[in-house]
Amino acid sequence: MPLVVPGINSGGSNQQSEWMNRLVGKKLSDSPSDSTNFARQDLPKEHRIIEPGSMSTQDFNKDRMNIHLGEDGTVRHVDFK
C-alpha cells in the first residue's frame, strides 16, 4: 500500500485544482480576462511563468504558483512547488 501524506500526494490540493480549472488552455494577457485569456493582474502575488525550454530553480516554495506554458503560449499545467 502506498504512503499517503495529506496535502502532498492525497489529491488534497484544492487550490491547485481551482487554478488549473481557471488557467489551463488560456493565454496570459495584460487585458481583462475572457474565455480565451486570463489577466496577469489577477494572478497571485507569488507566481512565476515557466516557458518551454526555460530554466527555473528547483527550490521548494509551497506558496508560489508555477504556471507552465506550452509552445503556443497557452497554460498547460499549474503547480505549487
PDB file of N, CA and C in Angstrom:
ATOM      1  N   MET A   1       0.851  -1.179   0.000  1.00  0.00           N
ATOM      2  CA  MET A   1       0.000   0.000   0.000  1.00  0.00           C
ATOM      3  C   MET A   1       0.900   1.246   0.000  1.00  0.00           C
ATOM      4  N   PRO A   2       0.625   2.218  -0.887  1.00  0.00           N
ATOM      5  CA  PRO A   2       1.469   3.420  -0.957  1.00  0.00           C
ATOM      6  C   PRO A   2       1.252   4.346   0.233  1.00  0.00           C
ATOM      7  N   LEU A   3       2.286   5.096   0.533  1.00  0.00           N
ATOM      8  CA  LEU A   3       2.221   6.080   1.596  1.00  0.00           C
ATOM      9  C   LEU A   3       1.386   7.273   1.133  1.00  0.00           C
ATOM     10  N   VAL A   4       0.431   7.698   1.958  1.00  0.00           N
ATOM     11  CA  VAL A   4      -0.407   8.856   1.636  1.00  0.00           C
ATOM     12  C   VAL A   4      -0.143   9.934   2.666  1.00  0.00           C
ATOM     13  N   VAL A   5       0.301  11.083   2.193  1.00  0.00           N
ATOM     14  CA  VAL A   5       0.570  12.223   3.064  1.00  0.00           C
ATOM     15  C   VAL A   5      -0.448  13.308   2.721  1.00  0.00           C
ATOM     16  N   PRO A   6      -1.361  13.646   3.653  1.00  0.00           N
ATOM     17  CA  PRO A   6      -2.396  14.639   3.359  1.00  0.00           C
ATOM     18  C   PRO A   6      -1.809  15.939   2.823  1.00  0.00           C
ATOM     19  N   GLY A   7      -2.404  16.435   1.734  1.00  0.00           N
ATOM     20  CA  GLY A   7      -1.966  17.688   1.151  1.00  0.00           C
ATOM     21  C   GLY A   7      -0.775  17.575   0.222  1.00  0.00           C
ATOM     22  N   ILE A   8      -0.063  16.444   0.267  1.00  0.00           N
ATOM     23  CA  ILE A   8       1.099  16.268  -0.599  1.00  0.00           C
ATOM     24  C   ILE A   8       0.742  15.352  -1.767  1.00  0.00           C
ATOM     25  N   ASN A   9       0.323  14.137  -1.466  1.00  0.00           N
ATOM     26  CA  ASN A   9       0.012  13.211  -2.544  1.00  0.00           C
ATOM     27  C   ASN A   9      -1.372  12.596  -2.419  1.00  0.00           C
ATOM     28  N   SER A  10      -2.244  13.189  -1.633  1.00  0.00           N
ATOM     29  CA  SER A  10      -3.582  12.632  -1.470  1.00  0.00           C
ATOM     30  C   SER A  10      -4.610  13.324  -2.343  1.00  0.00           C
ATOM     31  N   GLY A  11      -4.162  14.219  -3.213  1.00  0.00           N
ATOM     32  CA  GLY A  11      -5.099  14.940  -4.061  1.00  0.00           C
ATOM     33  C   GLY A  11      -5.817  16.037  -3.304  1.00  0.00           C
ATOM     34  N   GLY A  12      -5.280  16.447  -2.170  1.00  0.00           N
ATOM     35  CA  GLY A  12      -5.930  17.429  -1.328  1.00  0.00           C
ATOM     36  C   GLY A  12      -5.640  18.860  -1.693  1.00  0.00           C
ATOM     37  N   SER A  13      -5.055  19.091  -2.861  1.00  0.00           N
ATOM     38  CA  SER A  13      -4.703  20.448  -3.246  1.00  0.00           C
ATOM     39  C   SER A  13      -5.849  21.101  -4.005  1.00  0.00           C
ATOM     40  N   ASN A  14      -6.848  21.594  -3.260  1.00  0.00           N
ATOM     41  CA  ASN A  14      -7.970  22.279  -3.884  1.00  0.00           C
ATOM     42  C   ASN A  14      -7.497  23.527  -4.615  1.00  0.00           C
ATOM     43  N   GLN A  15      -6.529  24.218  -4.030  1.00  0.00           N
ATOM     44  CA  GLN A  15      -6.022  25.445  -4.635  1.00  0.00           C
ATOM     45  C   GLN A  15      -5.448  25.159  -6.015  1.00  0.00           C
ATOM     46  N   GLN A  16      -4.679  24.098  -6.148  1.00  0.00           N
ATOM     47  CA  GLN A  16      -4.104  23.744  -7.441  1.00  0.00           C
ATOM     48  C   GLN A  16      -5.212  23.398  -8.435  1.00  0.00           C
ATOM     49  N   SER A  17      -6.192  22.628  -8.022  1.00  0.00           N
ATOM     50  CA  SER A  17      -7.299  22.256  -8.909  1.00  0.00           C
ATOM     51  C   SER A  17      -8.074  23.473  -9.371  1.00  0.00           C
ATOM     52  N   GLU A  18      -8.330  24.389  -8.454  1.00  0.00           N
ATOM     53  CA  GLU A  18      -9.056  25.613  -8.810  1.00  0.00           C
ATOM     54  C   GLU A  18      -8.302  26.411  -9.861  1.00  0.00           C
ATOM     55  N   TRP A  19      -6.990  26.588  -9.656  1.00  0.00           N
ATOM     56  CA  TRP A  19      -6.201  27.352 -10.612  1.00  0.00           C
ATOM     57  C   TRP A  19      -6.069  26.612 -11.940  1.00  0.00           C
ATOM     58  N   MET A  20      -5.964  25.294 -11.912  1.00  0.00           N
ATOM     59  CA  MET A  20      -5.912  24.522 -13.157  1.00  0.00           C
ATOM     60  C   MET A  20      -7.190  24.769 -13.964  1.00  0.00           C
ATOM     61  N   ASN A  21      -8.333  24.717 -13.293  1.00  0.00           N
ATOM     62  CA  ASN A  21      -9.612  24.941 -13.975  1.00  0.00           C
ATOM     63  C   ASN A  21      -9.713  26.346 -14.559  1.00  0.00           C
ATOM     64  N   ARG A  22      -9.133  27.311 -13.880  1.00  0.00           N
ATOM     65  CA  ARG A  22      -9.206  28.703 -14.334  1.00  0.00           C
ATOM     66  C   ARG A  22      -8.229  29.023 -15.461  1.00  0.00           C
ATOM     67  N   LEU A  23      -7.065  28.371 -15.480  1.00  0.00           N
ATOM     68  CA  LEU A  23      -5.992  28.777 -16.385  1.00  0.00           C
ATOM     69  C   LEU A  23      -5.702  27.865 -17.569  1.00  0.00           C
ATOM     70  N   VAL A  24      -5.822  26.560 -17.401  1.00  0.00           N
ATOM     71  CA  VAL A  24      -5.397  25.633 -18.452  1.00  0.00           C
ATOM     72  C   VAL A  24      -6.168  25.899 -19.752  1.00  0.00           C
ATOM     73  N   GLY A  25      -5.390  26.036 -20.836  1.00  0.00           N
ATOM     74  CA  GLY A  25      -5.962  26.289 -22.149  1.00  0.00           C
ATOM     75  C   GLY A  25      -6.083  27.758 -22.501  1.00  0.00           C
ATOM     76  N   LYS A  26      -5.787  28.634 -21.541  1.00  0.00           N
ATOM     77  CA  LYS A  26      -5.876  30.074 -21.786  1.00  0.00           C
ATOM     78  C   LYS A  26      -4.482  30.672 -21.948  1.00  0.00           C
ATOM     79  N   LYS A  27      -4.432  31.844 -22.568  1.00  0.00           N
ATOM     80  CA  LYS A  27      -3.194  32.604 -22.665  1.00  0.00           C
ATOM     81  C   LYS A  27      -3.223  33.704 -21.620  1.00  0.00           C
ATOM     82  N   LEU A  28      -2.059  34.073 -21.110  1.00  0.00           N
ATOM     83  CA  LEU A  28      -1.964  35.167 -20.148  1.00  0.00           C
ATOM     84  C   LEU A  28      -1.867  36.474 -20.918  1.00  0.00           C
ATOM     85  N   SER A  29      -2.577  37.485 -20.448  1.00  0.00           N
ATOM     86  CA  SER A  29      -2.563  38.764 -21.157  1.00  0.00           C
ATOM     87  C   SER A  29      -2.621  39.921 -20.171  1.00  0.00           C
ATOM     88  N   ASP A  30      -2.335  41.114 -20.672  1.00  0.00           N
ATOM     89  CA  ASP A  30      -2.417  42.320 -19.855  1.00  0.00           C
ATOM     90  C   ASP A  30      -3.814  42.927 -19.900  1.00  0.00           C
ATOM     91  N   SER A  31      -4.680  42.388 -20.738  1.00  0.00           N
ATOM     92  CA  SER A  31      -6.051  42.880 -20.829  1.00  0.00           C
ATOM     93  C   SER A  31      -6.954  42.063 -19.896  1.00  0.00           C
ATOM     94  N   PRO A  32      -8.191  42.494 -19.697  1.00  0.00           N
ATOM     95  CA  PRO A  32      -9.101  41.762 -18.794  1.00  0.00           C
ATOM     96  C   PRO A  32      -9.311  40.307 -19.233  1.00  0.00           C
ATOM     97  N   SER A  33      -9.662  39.466 -18.265  1.00  0.00           N
ATOM     98  CA  SER A  33      -9.898  38.051 -18.533  1.00  0.00           C
ATOM     99  C   SER A  33     -11.143  37.869 -19.400  1.00  0.00           C
ATOM    100  N   ASP A  34     -11.091  36.866 -20.276  1.00  0.00           N
ATOM    101  CA  ASP A  34     -12.258  36.480 -21.063  1.00  0.00           C
ATOM    102  C   ASP A  34     -12.182  34.970 -21.286  1.00  0.00           C
ATOM    103  N   SER A  35     -12.894  34.442 -22.267  1.00  0.00           N
ATOM    104  CA  SER A  35     -12.953  32.993 -22.451  1.00  0.00           C
ATOM    105  C   SER A  35     -11.643  32.376 -22.941  1.00  0.00           C
ATOM    106  N   THR A  36     -10.764  33.174 -23.557  1.00  0.00           N
ATOM    107  CA  THR A  36      -9.503  32.621 -24.075  1.00  0.00           C
ATOM    108  C   THR A  36      -8.251  33.211 -23.426  1.00  0.00           C
ATOM    109  N   ASN A  37      -8.410  34.262 -22.620  1.00  0.00           N
ATOM    110  CA  ASN A  37      -7.275  34.931 -21.978  1.00  0.00           C
ATOM    111  C   ASN A  37      -7.519  35.091 -20.489  1.00  0.00           C
ATOM    112  N   PHE A  38      -6.419  35.119 -19.729  1.00  0.00           N
ATOM    113  CA  PHE A  38      -6.504  35.369 -18.289  1.00  0.00           C
ATOM    114  C   PHE A  38      -5.607  36.549 -17.969  1.00  0.00           C
ATOM    115  N   ALA A  39      -6.145  37.528 -17.267  1.00  0.00           N
ATOM    116  CA  ALA A  39      -5.400  38.744 -16.950  1.00  0.00           C
ATOM    117  C   ALA A  39      -4.282  38.459 -15.948  1.00  0.00           C
ATOM    118  N   ARG A  40      -3.077  38.892 -16.288  1.00  0.00           N
ATOM    119  CA  ARG A  40      -1.926  38.710 -15.396  1.00  0.00           C
ATOM    120  C   ARG A  40      -2.166  39.365 -14.038  1.00  0.00           C
ATOM    121  N   GLN A  41      -2.891  40.474 -14.027  1.00  0.00           N
ATOM    122  CA  GLN A  41      -3.135  41.196 -12.770  1.00  0.00           C
ATOM    123  C   GLN A  41      -3.968  40.368 -11.787  1.00  0.00           C
ATOM    124  N   ASP A  42      -4.670  39.347 -12.271  1.00  0.00           N
ATOM    125  CA  ASP A  42      -5.500  38.505 -11.411  1.00  0.00           C
ATOM    126  C   ASP A  42      -4.764  37.288 -10.870  1.00  0.00           C
ATOM    127  N   LEU A  43      -3.493  37.140 -11.225  1.00  0.00           N
ATOM    128  CA  LEU A  43      -2.683  36.037 -10.697  1.00  0.00           C
ATOM    129  C   LEU A  43      -2.267  36.355  -9.265  1.00  0.00           C
ATOM    130  N   PRO A  44      -1.990  35.315  -8.463  1.00  0.00           N
ATOM    131  CA  PRO A  44      -1.497  35.559  -7.111  1.00  0.00           C
ATOM    132  C   PRO A  44      -0.164  36.307  -7.142  1.00  0.00           C
ATOM    133  N   LYS A  45       0.135  37.004  -6.070  1.00  0.00           N
ATOM    134  CA  LYS A  45       1.386  37.759  -5.977  1.00  0.00           C
ATOM    135  C   LYS A  45       2.595  36.841  -6.170  1.00  0.00           C
ATOM    136  N   GLU A  46       2.571  35.699  -5.516  1.00  0.00           N
ATOM    137  CA  GLU A  46       3.675  34.725  -5.601  1.00  0.00           C
ATOM    138  C   GLU A  46       3.421  33.784  -6.771  1.00  0.00           C
ATOM    139  N   HIS A  47       3.953  34.109  -7.939  1.00  0.00           N
ATOM    140  CA  HIS A  47       3.832  33.219  -9.094  1.00  0.00           C
ATOM    141  C   HIS A  47       5.046  33.373  -9.996  1.00  0.00           C
ATOM    142  N   ARG A  48       5.248  32.383 -10.843  1.00  0.00           N
ATOM    143  CA  ARG A  48       6.252  32.502 -11.888  1.00  0.00           C
ATOM    144  C   ARG A  48       5.734  31.768 -13.115  1.00  0.00           C
ATOM    145  N   ILE A  49       6.094  32.299 -14.244  1.00  0.00           N
ATOM    146  CA  ILE A  49       5.667  31.744 -15.520  1.00  0.00           C
ATOM    147  C   ILE A  49       6.855  31.012 -16.127  1.00  0.00           C
ATOM    148  N   ILE A  50       6.656  29.749 -16.425  1.00  0.00           N
ATOM    149  CA  ILE A  50       7.731  28.910 -16.948  1.00  0.00           C
ATOM    150  C   ILE A  50       7.405  28.560 -18.395  1.00  0.00           C
ATOM    151  N   GLU A  51       8.200  29.106 -19.297  1.00  0.00           N
ATOM    152  CA  GLU A  51       8.012  28.873 -20.727  1.00  0.00           C
ATOM    153  C   GLU A  51       8.783  27.635 -21.152  1.00  0.00           C
ATOM    154  N   PRO A  52       8.383  26.995 -22.261  1.00  0.00           N
ATOM    155  CA  PRO A  52       9.089  25.799 -22.731  1.00  0.00           C
ATOM    156  C   PRO A  52      10.577  26.078 -22.954  1.00  0.00           C
ATOM    157  N   GLY A  53      11.397  25.205 -22.444  1.00  0.00           N
ATOM    158  CA  GLY A  53      12.837  25.331 -22.619  1.00  0.00           C
ATOM    159  C   GLY A  53      13.518  26.309 -21.681  1.00  0.00           C
ATOM    160  N   SER A  54      12.735  27.003 -20.856  1.00  0.00           N
ATOM    161  CA  SER A  54      13.359  27.949 -19.927  1.00  0.00           C
ATOM    162  C   SER A  54      13.829  27.218 -18.677  1.00  0.00           C
ATOM    163  N   MET A  55      14.811  27.796 -18.030  1.00  0.00           N
ATOM    164  CA  MET A  55      15.348  27.214 -16.809  1.00  0.00           C
ATOM    165  C   MET A  55      14.629  27.820 -15.612  1.00  0.00           C
ATOM    166  N   SER A  56      14.485  27.032 -14.556  1.00  0.00           N
ATOM    167  CA  SER A  56      13.906  27.542 -13.317  1.00  0.00           C
ATOM    168  C   SER A  56      14.587  26.854 -12.148  1.00  0.00           C
ATOM    169  N   THR A  57      14.598  27.530 -11.023  1.00  0.00           N
ATOM    170  CA  THR A  57      15.212  26.947  -9.836  1.00  0.00           C
ATOM    171  C   THR A  57      14.340  25.812  -9.323  1.00  0.00           C
ATOM    172  N   GLN A  58      14.930  24.901  -8.597  1.00  0.00           N
ATOM    173  CA  GLN A  58      14.202  23.756  -8.057  1.00  0.00           C
ATOM    174  C   GLN A  58      13.886  23.920  -6.567  1.00  0.00           C
ATOM    175  N   ASP A  59      14.031  25.148  -6.060  1.00  0.00           N
ATOM    176  CA  ASP A  59      13.732  25.369  -4.654  1.00  0.00           C
ATOM    177  C   ASP A  59      12.242  25.188  -4.404  1.00  0.00           C
ATOM    178  N   PHE A  60      11.898  24.667  -3.238  1.00  0.00           N
ATOM    179  CA  PHE A  60      10.504  24.409  -2.883  1.00  0.00           C
ATOM    180  C   PHE A  60       9.915  25.637  -2.202  1.00  0.00           C
ATOM    181  N   ASN A  61       8.816  26.123  -2.739  1.00  0.00           N
ATOM    182  CA  ASN A  61       8.077  27.238  -2.138  1.00  0.00           C
ATOM    183  C   ASN A  61       6.601  26.913  -2.307  1.00  0.00           C
ATOM    184  N   LYS A  62       5.984  26.368  -1.260  1.00  0.00           N
ATOM    185  CA  LYS A  62       4.605  25.903  -1.345  1.00  0.00           C
ATOM    186  C   LYS A  62       3.610  27.022  -1.624  1.00  0.00           C
ATOM    187  N   ASP A  63       4.011  28.275  -1.435  1.00  0.00           N
ATOM    188  CA  ASP A  63       3.118  29.403  -1.665  1.00  0.00           C
ATOM    189  C   ASP A  63       3.248  29.995  -3.064  1.00  0.00           C
ATOM    190  N   ARG A  64       4.214  29.522  -3.836  1.00  0.00           N
ATOM    191  CA  ARG A  64       4.443  30.068  -5.177  1.00  0.00           C
ATOM    192  C   ARG A  64       3.749  29.196  -6.221  1.00  0.00           C
ATOM    193  N   MET A  65       2.958  29.846  -7.049  1.00  0.00           N
ATOM    194  CA  MET A  65       2.289  29.134  -8.123  1.00  0.00           C
ATOM    195  C   MET A  65       3.179  29.151  -9.364  1.00  0.00           C
ATOM    196  N   ASN A  66       3.436  27.966  -9.908  1.00  0.00           N
ATOM    197  CA  ASN A  66       4.206  27.824 -11.138  1.00  0.00           C
ATOM    198  C   ASN A  66       3.227  27.608 -12.282  1.00  0.00           C
ATOM    199  N   ILE A  67       3.329  28.454 -13.300  1.00  0.00           N
ATOM    200  CA  ILE A  67       2.448  28.372 -14.452  1.00  0.00           C
ATOM    201  C   ILE A  67       3.295  27.914 -15.637  1.00  0.00           C
ATOM    202  N   HIS A  68       3.027  26.720 -16.131  1.00  0.00           N
ATOM    203  CA  HIS A  68       3.793  26.137 -17.228  1.00  0.00           C
ATOM    204  C   HIS A  68       3.057  26.391 -18.537  1.00  0.00           C
ATOM    205  N   LEU A  69       3.752  27.043 -19.476  1.00  0.00           N
ATOM    206  CA  LEU A  69       3.162  27.360 -20.775  1.00  0.00           C
ATOM    207  C   LEU A  69       3.583  26.349 -21.825  1.00  0.00           C
ATOM    208  N   GLY A  70       2.731  26.173 -22.824  1.00  0.00           N
ATOM    209  CA  GLY A  70       3.059  25.340 -23.978  1.00  0.00           C
ATOM    210  C   GLY A  70       3.741  26.179 -25.031  1.00  0.00           C
ATOM    211  N   GLU A  71       4.136  25.540 -26.121  1.00  0.00           N
ATOM    212  CA  GLU A  71       4.821  26.227 -27.226  1.00  0.00           C
ATOM    213  C   GLU A  71       3.983  27.369 -27.796  1.00  0.00           C
ATOM    214  N   ASP A  72       2.658  27.213 -27.773  1.00  0.00           N
ATOM    215  CA  ASP A  72       1.776  28.235 -28.342  1.00  0.00           C
ATOM    216  C   ASP A  72       1.420  29.341 -27.346  1.00  0.00           C
ATOM    217  N   GLY A  73       1.983  29.266 -26.136  1.00  0.00           N
ATOM    218  CA  GLY A  73       1.750  30.305 -25.140  1.00  0.00           C
ATOM    219  C   GLY A  73       0.550  30.066 -24.241  1.00  0.00           C
ATOM    220  N   THR A  74      -0.146  28.956 -24.425  1.00  0.00           N
ATOM    221  CA  THR A  74      -1.277  28.660 -23.552  1.00  0.00           C
ATOM    222  C   THR A  74      -0.794  27.923 -22.305  1.00  0.00           C
ATOM    223  N   VAL A  75      -1.537  28.072 -21.236  1.00  0.00           N
ATOM    224  CA  VAL A  75      -1.203  27.412 -19.975  1.00  0.00           C
ATOM    225  C   VAL A  75      -1.473  25.918 -20.119  1.00  0.00           C
ATOM    226  N   ARG A  76      -0.477  25.105 -19.797  1.00  0.00           N
ATOM    227  CA  ARG A  76      -0.580  23.645 -19.882  1.00  0.00           C
ATOM    228  C   ARG A  76      -0.737  22.995 -18.512  1.00  0.00           C
ATOM    229  N   HIS A  77      -0.121  23.603 -17.491  1.00  0.00           N
ATOM    230  CA  HIS A  77      -0.125  22.977 -16.168  1.00  0.00           C
ATOM    231  C   HIS A  77       0.130  24.047 -15.103  1.00  0.00           C
ATOM    232  N   VAL A  78      -0.407  23.816 -13.914  1.00  0.00           N
ATOM    233  CA  VAL A  78      -0.184  24.703 -12.778  1.00  0.00           C
ATOM    234  C   VAL A  78       0.174  23.840 -11.582  1.00  0.00           C
ATOM    235  N   ASP A  79       1.202  24.253 -10.826  1.00  0.00           N
ATOM    236  CA  ASP A  79       1.525  23.532  -9.596  1.00  0.00           C
ATOM    237  C   ASP A  79       2.068  24.512  -8.553  1.00  0.00           C
ATOM    238  N   PHE A  80       2.129  24.039  -7.339  1.00  0.00           N
ATOM    239  CA  PHE A  80       2.665  24.825  -6.215  1.00  0.00           C
ATOM    240  C   PHE A  80       3.845  24.060  -5.660  1.00  0.00           C
ATOM    241  N   LYS A  81       5.060  24.426  -6.089  1.00  0.00           N
ATOM    242  CA  LYS A  81       6.278  23.739  -5.641  1.00  0.00           C
ATOM    243  C   LYS A  81       7.330  24.765  -5.345  1.00  0.00           C
TER     244      LYS A  81
END
